[in-house]
């Protein structure tokens, strides 16, 4: 048997397909490309679903205030650590905005309504 392999089977030739668009494609490479595209599409769908779920739960990322920022606010403003941490969390970790928040007088309920 000329051309047979040691297992008794004939070696399989590379399959090339002619398509209506005039292109000739190697079947294995075409299948591989299609599978990669499908995996990308599924990953994108999963990411979109996860993002929607996070938005639906209204989960906000935890802002970890740096201890240096808290210490600076406490030493410069004279507030408590809790007040400094609260201000930093409210300003998403922005130290300058947190310091401004801490020194700005807070309006009371009667002033907020416009009455004295």
N, C-alpha and C. Protein backbone atom coordinates (compact mmCIF):
# COMPACT_ATOMS: atom_id res chain seq x y z
N UNK A 1 0.85 -1.17 0.00
CA UNK A 1 0.00 0.00 0.00
C UNK A 1 0.89 1.23 0.00
N UNK A 2 0.94 1.86 -1.05
CA UNK A 2 1.75 3.06 -1.17
C UNK A 2 0.99 4.24 -0.59
N UNK A 3 1.68 5.04 0.25
CA UNK A 3 1.08 6.27 0.78
C UNK A 3 0.28 6.06 2.05
N UNK A 4 0.24 4.83 2.61
CA UNK A 4 -0.51 4.64 3.84
C UNK A 4 0.40 4.84 5.03
N UNK A 5 -0.17 5.20 6.14
CA UNK A 5 0.61 5.42 7.35
C UNK A 5 0.77 4.10 8.10
N UNK A 6 1.51 4.10 9.20
CA UNK A 6 1.76 2.89 9.96
C UNK A 6 0.49 2.35 10.60
N UNK A 7 -0.52 3.17 10.77
CA UNK A 7 -1.77 2.72 11.37
C UNK A 7 -2.71 2.11 10.34
N UNK A 8 -2.30 2.12 9.10
CA UNK A 8 -3.13 1.54 8.06
C UNK A 8 -4.11 2.53 7.46
N UNK A 9 -4.09 3.75 7.94
CA UNK A 9 -5.01 4.76 7.41
C UNK A 9 -4.25 5.66 6.46
N UNK A 10 -4.96 6.18 5.53
CA UNK A 10 -4.37 7.14 4.60
C UNK A 10 -4.27 8.49 5.29
N UNK A 11 -3.18 9.22 5.09
CA UNK A 11 -3.08 10.55 5.70
C UNK A 11 -4.15 11.47 5.14
N UNK A 12 -4.73 12.27 6.04
CA UNK A 12 -5.79 13.18 5.63
C UNK A 12 -5.18 14.45 5.05
N UNK A 13 -5.58 14.81 3.87
CA UNK A 13 -5.05 16.04 3.28
C UNK A 13 -5.72 17.25 3.94
N UNK A 14 -5.06 18.41 3.83
CA UNK A 14 -5.61 19.65 4.34
C UNK A 14 -6.84 19.99 3.50
N UNK A 15 -7.94 20.26 4.13
CA UNK A 15 -9.18 20.52 3.41
C UNK A 15 -9.24 22.00 3.04
N UNK A 16 -9.41 22.26 1.79
CA UNK A 16 -9.55 23.62 1.29
C UNK A 16 -10.91 23.71 0.64
N UNK A 17 -11.65 24.75 1.00
CA UNK A 17 -13.01 24.90 0.47
C UNK A 17 -13.09 26.14 -0.38
N UNK A 18 -13.79 26.04 -1.47
CA UNK A 18 -14.05 27.18 -2.33
C UNK A 18 -15.44 27.71 -1.99
N UNK A 19 -15.52 29.01 -1.76
CA UNK A 19 -16.80 29.62 -1.41
C UNK A 19 -17.30 30.49 -2.55
N UNK A 20 -18.57 30.86 -2.47
CA UNK A 20 -19.21 31.63 -3.52
C UNK A 20 -18.57 33.01 -3.71
N UNK A 21 -17.92 33.53 -2.67
CA UNK A 21 -17.30 34.84 -2.79
C UNK A 21 -15.97 34.78 -3.53
N UNK A 22 -15.59 33.59 -3.94
CA UNK A 22 -14.36 33.45 -4.70
C UNK A 22 -13.15 33.14 -3.84
N UNK A 23 -13.32 33.14 -2.51
CA UNK A 23 -12.21 32.87 -1.62
C UNK A 23 -12.00 31.39 -1.41
N UNK A 24 -10.79 31.04 -1.14
CA UNK A 24 -10.44 29.67 -0.81
C UNK A 24 -9.91 29.69 0.61
N UNK A 25 -10.50 28.86 1.48
CA UNK A 25 -10.16 28.90 2.88
C UNK A 25 -9.76 27.52 3.37
N UNK A 26 -8.81 27.48 4.29
CA UNK A 26 -8.43 26.22 4.92
C UNK A 26 -9.43 25.98 6.05
N UNK A 27 -10.06 24.82 6.03
CA UNK A 27 -11.16 24.53 6.93
C UNK A 27 -10.78 24.70 8.40
N UNK A 28 -9.65 24.15 8.83
CA UNK A 28 -9.25 24.23 10.24
C UNK A 28 -9.06 25.68 10.69
N UNK A 29 -8.43 26.49 9.85
CA UNK A 29 -8.20 27.89 10.22
C UNK A 29 -9.52 28.65 10.27
N UNK A 30 -10.42 28.34 9.36
CA UNK A 30 -11.73 28.99 9.33
C UNK A 30 -12.52 28.64 10.59
N UNK A 31 -12.53 27.35 10.95
CA UNK A 31 -13.25 26.92 12.15
C UNK A 31 -12.65 27.58 13.40
N UNK A 32 -11.33 27.63 13.46
CA UNK A 32 -10.66 28.24 14.60
C UNK A 32 -11.03 29.73 14.73
N UNK A 33 -11.05 30.44 13.62
CA UNK A 33 -11.40 31.86 13.64
C UNK A 33 -12.84 32.06 14.10
N UNK A 34 -13.74 31.21 13.62
CA UNK A 34 -15.15 31.32 14.00
C UNK A 34 -15.32 31.04 15.50
N UNK A 35 -14.61 30.04 16.01
CA UNK A 35 -14.69 29.72 17.44
C UNK A 35 -14.15 30.86 18.29
N UNK A 36 -13.06 31.48 17.87
CA UNK A 36 -12.52 32.62 18.61
C UNK A 36 -13.50 33.78 18.64
N UNK A 37 -14.13 34.06 17.52
CA UNK A 37 -15.12 35.14 17.47
C UNK A 37 -16.30 34.84 18.38
N UNK A 38 -16.74 33.60 18.41
CA UNK A 38 -17.87 33.21 19.26
C UNK A 38 -17.49 33.35 20.74
N UNK A 39 -16.26 32.95 21.10
CA UNK A 39 -15.81 33.09 22.49
C UNK A 39 -15.77 34.57 22.89
N UNK A 40 -15.29 35.42 21.99
CA UNK A 40 -15.25 36.86 22.28
C UNK A 40 -16.64 37.41 22.49
N UNK A 41 -17.59 36.98 21.65
CA UNK A 41 -18.97 37.45 21.76
C UNK A 41 -19.56 37.02 23.10
N UNK A 42 -19.32 35.77 23.50
CA UNK A 42 -19.85 35.29 24.77
C UNK A 42 -19.24 36.02 25.95
N UNK A 43 -17.93 36.28 25.90
CA UNK A 43 -17.26 37.01 26.98
C UNK A 43 -17.84 38.42 27.09
N UNK A 44 -18.08 39.05 25.94
CA UNK A 44 -18.63 40.41 25.95
C UNK A 44 -20.04 40.40 26.54
N UNK A 45 -20.85 39.40 26.18
CA UNK A 45 -22.20 39.29 26.72
C UNK A 45 -22.16 39.09 28.22
N UNK A 46 -21.24 38.23 28.70
CA UNK A 46 -21.14 37.98 30.14
C UNK A 46 -20.72 39.25 30.87
N UNK A 47 -19.81 40.01 30.29
CA UNK A 47 -19.38 41.26 30.89
C UNK A 47 -20.52 42.26 30.97
N UNK A 48 -21.31 42.33 29.91
CA UNK A 48 -22.45 43.24 29.89
C UNK A 48 -23.48 42.83 30.93
N UNK A 49 -23.73 41.52 31.05
CA UNK A 49 -24.69 41.04 32.05
C UNK A 49 -24.20 41.35 33.46
N UNK A 50 -22.92 41.15 33.70
CA UNK A 50 -22.36 41.44 35.03
C UNK A 50 -22.46 42.92 35.34
N UNK A 51 -22.21 43.76 34.34
CA UNK A 51 -22.29 45.20 34.55
C UNK A 51 -23.73 45.61 34.88
N UNK A 52 -24.68 45.05 34.16
CA UNK A 52 -26.10 45.35 34.43
C UNK A 52 -26.49 44.90 35.83
N UNK A 53 -26.00 43.72 36.23
CA UNK A 53 -26.32 43.20 37.56
C UNK A 53 -25.76 44.12 38.64
N UNK A 54 -24.54 44.59 38.45
CA UNK A 54 -23.93 45.50 39.42
C UNK A 54 -24.72 46.81 39.50
N UNK A 55 -25.16 47.32 38.35
CA UNK A 55 -25.95 48.55 38.33
C UNK A 55 -27.29 48.34 39.00
N UNK A 56 -27.90 47.16 38.78
CA UNK A 56 -29.19 46.87 39.39
C UNK A 56 -29.08 46.78 40.90
N UNK A 57 -27.98 46.26 41.37
CA UNK A 57 -27.77 46.14 42.81
C UNK A 57 -27.30 47.45 43.44
N UNK A 58 -26.94 48.39 42.59
CA UNK A 58 -26.42 49.68 43.01
C UNK A 58 -25.22 49.50 43.94
N UNK A 59 -24.35 48.58 43.56
CA UNK A 59 -23.14 48.34 44.33
C UNK A 59 -22.14 49.42 43.97
N UNK A 60 -21.66 50.10 44.99
CA UNK A 60 -20.68 51.14 44.77
C UNK A 60 -19.33 50.61 45.22
N UNK A 61 -18.27 50.95 44.49
CA UNK A 61 -16.96 50.48 44.91
C UNK A 61 -16.58 51.07 46.26
N UNK A 62 -15.94 50.28 47.06
CA UNK A 62 -15.52 50.73 48.38
C UNK A 62 -14.31 51.64 48.22
N UNK A 63 -14.43 52.83 48.74
CA UNK A 63 -13.32 53.78 48.69
C UNK A 63 -12.54 53.61 49.98
N UNK A 64 -11.32 53.16 49.87
CA UNK A 64 -10.48 52.98 51.04
C UNK A 64 -9.69 54.25 51.24
N UNK A 65 -10.05 54.97 52.29
CA UNK A 65 -9.34 56.22 52.55
C UNK A 65 -7.96 55.88 53.11
N UNK A 66 -6.97 56.54 52.56
CA UNK A 66 -5.60 56.30 53.00
C UNK A 66 -5.43 56.84 54.41
N UNK A 67 -4.68 56.11 55.20
CA UNK A 67 -4.48 56.54 56.58
C UNK A 67 -3.71 57.86 56.64
N UNK A 68 -2.83 58.10 55.65
CA UNK A 68 -2.11 59.37 55.64
C UNK A 68 -3.08 60.53 55.43
N UNK A 69 -4.07 60.33 54.55
CA UNK A 69 -5.05 61.38 54.28
C UNK A 69 -5.89 61.66 55.52
N UNK A 70 -6.29 60.59 56.20
CA UNK A 70 -7.09 60.75 57.42
C UNK A 70 -6.28 61.48 58.47
N UNK A 71 -5.02 61.07 58.66
CA UNK A 71 -4.16 61.72 59.65
C UNK A 71 -3.93 63.19 59.32
N UNK A 72 -3.75 63.49 58.05
CA UNK A 72 -3.55 64.88 57.64
C UNK A 72 -4.79 65.72 57.96
N UNK A 73 -5.95 65.20 57.64
CA UNK A 73 -7.19 65.93 57.91
C UNK A 73 -7.37 66.16 59.41
N UNK A 74 -7.08 65.13 60.20
CA UNK A 74 -7.22 65.25 61.66
C UNK A 74 -6.25 66.30 62.20
N UNK A 75 -4.99 66.26 61.73
CA UNK A 75 -4.00 67.19 62.27
C UNK A 75 -4.21 68.63 61.79
N UNK A 76 -4.66 68.82 60.55
CA UNK A 76 -4.80 70.17 60.00
C UNK A 76 -6.14 70.81 60.32
N UNK A 77 -7.19 70.02 60.33
CA UNK A 77 -8.54 70.57 60.52
C UNK A 77 -8.96 70.47 61.98
N UNK A 78 -8.46 69.45 62.68
CA UNK A 78 -8.85 69.26 64.08
C UNK A 78 -10.15 68.48 64.22
N UNK A 79 -10.50 67.69 63.22
CA UNK A 79 -11.71 66.89 63.28
C UNK A 79 -11.37 65.50 63.83
N UNK A 80 -12.38 64.68 64.02
CA UNK A 80 -12.13 63.31 64.48
C UNK A 80 -11.79 62.43 63.28
N UNK A 81 -11.26 61.25 63.58
CA UNK A 81 -10.92 60.31 62.50
C UNK A 81 -12.19 59.90 61.74
N UNK A 82 -13.27 59.70 62.48
CA UNK A 82 -14.53 59.30 61.84
C UNK A 82 -15.02 60.39 60.88
N UNK A 83 -14.92 61.64 61.30
CA UNK A 83 -15.35 62.74 60.42
C UNK A 83 -14.47 62.80 59.17
N UNK A 84 -13.17 62.61 59.34
CA UNK A 84 -12.25 62.64 58.20
C UNK A 84 -12.54 61.49 57.23
N UNK A 85 -12.75 60.29 57.77
CA UNK A 85 -13.06 59.14 56.92
C UNK A 85 -14.37 59.33 56.18
N UNK A 86 -15.37 59.86 56.88
CA UNK A 86 -16.67 60.10 56.25
C UNK A 86 -16.55 61.11 55.11
N UNK A 87 -15.80 62.17 55.35
CA UNK A 87 -15.62 63.19 54.32
C UNK A 87 -14.87 62.62 53.12
N UNK A 88 -13.84 61.83 53.37
CA UNK A 88 -13.08 61.22 52.27
C UNK A 88 -13.96 60.26 51.47
N UNK A 89 -14.78 59.48 52.16
CA UNK A 89 -15.68 58.56 51.44
C UNK A 89 -16.70 59.34 50.61
N UNK A 90 -17.23 60.42 51.18
CA UNK A 90 -18.22 61.23 50.48
C UNK A 90 -17.63 61.87 49.22
N UNK A 91 -16.33 62.16 49.26
CA UNK A 91 -15.67 62.80 48.12
C UNK A 91 -14.84 61.80 47.30
N UNK A 92 -15.17 60.52 47.43
CA UNK A 92 -14.51 59.46 46.66
C UNK A 92 -12.99 59.47 46.79
N UNK A 93 -12.52 59.75 47.99
CA UNK A 93 -11.09 59.71 48.25
C UNK A 93 -10.31 60.96 47.86
N UNK A 94 -10.99 61.98 47.37
CA UNK A 94 -10.31 63.22 46.98
C UNK A 94 -10.03 64.04 48.24
N UNK A 95 -8.75 64.13 48.60
CA UNK A 95 -8.35 64.79 49.84
C UNK A 95 -8.73 66.27 49.86
N UNK A 96 -8.47 66.98 48.78
CA UNK A 96 -8.76 68.42 48.74
C UNK A 96 -10.25 68.67 48.95
N UNK A 97 -11.08 67.95 48.24
CA UNK A 97 -12.53 68.13 48.39
C UNK A 97 -12.99 67.74 49.79
N UNK A 98 -12.37 66.71 50.36
CA UNK A 98 -12.74 66.29 51.72
C UNK A 98 -12.37 67.38 52.73
N UNK A 99 -11.20 67.99 52.55
CA UNK A 99 -10.80 69.07 53.46
C UNK A 99 -11.75 70.26 53.35
N UNK A 100 -12.13 70.59 52.13
CA UNK A 100 -13.09 71.69 51.93
C UNK A 100 -14.42 71.35 52.59
N UNK A 101 -14.85 70.11 52.45
CA UNK A 101 -16.11 69.67 53.07
C UNK A 101 -16.03 69.82 54.59
N UNK A 102 -14.88 69.48 55.15
CA UNK A 102 -14.72 69.54 56.60
C UNK A 102 -14.71 70.97 57.14
N UNK A 103 -14.21 71.94 56.36
CA UNK A 103 -14.14 73.31 56.87
C UNK A 103 -15.35 74.16 56.49
N UNK A 104 -16.16 73.66 55.56
CA UNK A 104 -17.35 74.40 55.15
C UNK A 104 -18.44 74.21 56.19
N UNK A 105 -19.00 75.30 56.71
CA UNK A 105 -20.08 75.16 57.71
C UNK A 105 -21.28 74.45 57.08
N UNK A 106 -21.79 73.48 57.81
CA UNK A 106 -22.96 72.74 57.33
C UNK A 106 -24.22 73.51 57.67
N UNK A 107 -25.15 73.56 56.71
CA UNK A 107 -26.40 74.27 56.91
C UNK A 107 -27.31 73.41 57.77
N UNK A 108 -28.02 74.03 58.65
CA UNK A 108 -29.00 73.29 59.48
C UNK A 108 -30.31 73.22 58.72
N UNK A 109 -31.23 72.43 59.24
CA UNK A 109 -32.50 72.21 58.56
C UNK A 109 -33.29 73.48 58.31
N UNK A 110 -33.34 74.42 59.28
CA UNK A 110 -34.16 75.63 59.10
C UNK A 110 -33.53 76.54 58.04
N UNK A 111 -32.20 76.57 57.96
CA UNK A 111 -31.55 77.40 56.95
C UNK A 111 -31.65 76.76 55.57
N UNK A 112 -31.68 75.46 55.54
CA UNK A 112 -31.78 74.77 54.26
C UNK A 112 -33.13 75.04 53.60
N UNK A 113 -34.18 75.24 54.42
CA UNK A 113 -35.50 75.51 53.88
C UNK A 113 -35.70 76.97 53.51
N UNK A 114 -34.73 77.82 53.87
CA UNK A 114 -34.85 79.23 53.55
C UNK A 114 -35.49 80.05 54.65
N UNK A 115 -35.75 79.41 55.80
CA UNK A 115 -36.34 80.15 56.91
C UNK A 115 -35.29 80.35 57.99
N UNK A 116 -35.46 81.36 58.76
CA UNK A 116 -34.48 81.66 59.82
C UNK A 116 -34.95 81.16 61.15
